[in-house]
Protein backbone atom coordinates (compact mmCIF):
# COMPACT_ATOMS: atom_id res chain seq x y z
CA MET A 1 0.02 0.02 0.12
CA ASN A 2 1.44 3.32 -1.00
CA THR A 3 0.83 6.57 0.88
CA ASP A 4 -1.72 7.72 -1.51
CA ASP A 5 -3.90 4.67 -0.72
CA MET A 6 -3.57 5.24 3.03
CA ILE A 7 -6.81 6.00 4.99
CA PHE A 8 -6.82 7.99 8.22
CA ILE A 9 -8.28 5.82 10.96
CA ASN A 10 -9.40 7.99 13.92
CA PRO A 11 -7.66 6.57 17.09
CA THR A 12 -10.86 7.43 19.04
CA ILE A 13 -12.54 4.55 16.96
CA ILE A 14 -9.87 2.06 17.56
CA ARG A 15 -10.05 2.81 21.29
CA SER A 16 -13.93 2.44 21.23
CA LEU A 17 -13.79 -0.89 19.32
CA ASN A 18 -10.97 -2.23 21.73
CA LYS A 19 -12.85 -1.19 24.76
CA SER A 20 -16.01 -3.28 23.88
CA LYS A 21 -15.82 -6.90 22.77
CA LEU A 22 -19.48 -6.69 21.50
CA ARG A 23 -18.81 -3.80 19.36
CA LYS A 24 -15.88 -5.55 17.85
CA LYS A 25 -17.71 -8.67 17.37
CA ILE A 26 -20.53 -6.78 15.60
CA MET A 27 -18.07 -5.13 13.31
CA TYR A 28 -16.25 -8.45 12.45
CA PHE A 29 -19.56 -10.17 11.64
CA LEU A 30 -20.80 -7.03 9.35
CA TYR A 31 -17.40 -7.28 7.76
CA ARG A 32 -18.01 -10.99 6.92
CA ILE A 33 -21.23 -10.25 5.18
CA TYR A 34 -20.28 -6.82 3.72
CA PRO A 35 -21.77 -5.26 1.54
CA ASN A 36 -25.07 -7.05 2.67
CA GLY A 37 -27.03 -5.77 5.71
CA ILE A 38 -28.84 -7.59 8.50
CA TYR A 39 -31.82 -6.89 10.87
CA LEU A 40 -31.18 -6.23 14.52
CA SER A 41 -32.82 -9.56 15.58
CA GLU A 42 -30.71 -11.70 13.27
CA LEU A 43 -27.67 -9.72 14.10
CA SER A 44 -28.17 -10.17 17.94
CA ARG A 45 -28.50 -14.07 17.20
CA ARG A 46 -25.41 -14.19 15.07
CA VAL A 47 -23.19 -12.48 17.77
CA ASN A 48 -24.95 -14.27 20.61
CA SER A 49 -26.13 -11.24 22.56
CA ASP A 50 -29.37 -9.63 23.71
CA PRO A 51 -30.85 -7.37 21.12
CA SER A 52 -30.86 -4.40 23.53
CA ASN A 53 -27.07 -4.79 23.85
CA VAL A 54 -26.55 -4.97 20.20
CA LEU A 55 -28.80 -1.89 19.69
CA GLY A 56 -26.88 -0.06 22.31
CA CYS A 57 -23.52 -0.85 20.48
CA LEU A 58 -25.18 0.39 17.14
CA LYS A 59 -26.96 3.48 18.19
CA GLY A 60 -25.98 4.19 21.76
CA MET A 61 -28.46 3.76 24.70
CA GLY A 62 -28.51 5.31 28.27
CA ASN A 63 -25.46 5.42 30.40
CA ARG A 64 -23.95 2.05 29.46
CA TYR A 65 -23.57 2.78 25.74
CA ASN A 66 -22.40 6.12 25.02
CA GLY A 67 -24.07 7.53 21.79
CA ASN A 68 -20.86 9.31 20.83
CA SER A 69 -19.11 6.08 20.58
CA SER A 70 -21.90 4.12 18.97
CA LEU A 71 -20.97 2.36 15.66
CA VAL A 72 -23.47 4.45 13.71
CA GLU A 73 -22.28 7.90 15.27
CA LEU A 74 -18.71 6.74 14.55
CA GLY A 75 -19.72 6.29 10.82
CA LEU A 76 -18.74 2.65 10.84
CA VAL A 77 -22.38 1.43 10.31
CA GLU A 78 -25.50 2.84 8.63
CA CYS A 79 -28.94 2.11 9.29
CA VAL A 80 -31.20 1.73 6.25
CA SER A 81 -35.01 1.42 6.33
CA LYS A 82 -36.31 -1.19 3.89
CA GLU A 83 -39.89 -2.07 3.76
CA GLY A 84 -40.49 -0.55 7.21
CA MET A 85 -37.53 -2.68 8.65
CA LYS A 86 -34.17 -1.30 9.74
CA ILE A 87 -31.25 -2.94 8.19
CA TYR A 88 -27.59 -2.32 9.45
CA ILE A 89 -24.97 -2.23 6.93
CA MET A 90 -21.20 -1.56 7.38
CA THR A 91 -19.92 1.47 5.66
CA GLU A 92 -16.97 1.56 3.46
CA TYR A 93 -15.08 3.45 6.15
CA GLY A 94 -16.17 0.64 8.56
CA LYS A 95 -14.72 -2.00 6.25
CA ASN A 96 -11.44 -0.02 6.09
CA VAL A 97 -11.26 0.17 9.81
CA ILE A 98 -11.75 -3.62 10.21
CA GLU A 99 -9.08 -4.32 7.60
CA TYR A 100 -6.81 -1.99 9.61
CA LEU A 101 -7.73 -3.81 12.82
CA LYS A 102 -7.12 -7.19 11.33
CA ASP A 103 -3.57 -6.13 10.32
CA TYR A 104 -3.14 -4.56 13.64
CA ASP A 105 -4.38 -7.50 15.73
CA SER A 106 -2.18 -9.79 13.75
CA ILE A 107 1.00 -7.70 14.34
CA THR A 108 0.36 -7.33 18.03
CA SER A 109 -0.38 -11.05 18.46
CA LEU A 110 3.20 -11.77 17.00
CA ASN A 111 4.59 -9.51 19.72
CA THR A 112 3.06 -11.36 22.72
């Protein structure tokens, strides 16, 4: 990758994902199905978590899930209404962040 191809990844985003295993799990799952989206109920089944916790990661909710560090607010996931249902889709930026994280995680695992 040359410097023209490099994309800035906000360190706040990396910190947010590393602080929450569920946020990271959601992102890795959305990466696997990219560019397709998924309904909240199906996503919560796939990541093996309660729908309210998954929604908190996606959109923020109360004190436990800060809206500023939600995946939608960070620009990593978008919510699209289709036939009255909400579908969550990873953004292109979200895809780039996960590709960066995959490289970063593989490098750091070599150093431990």
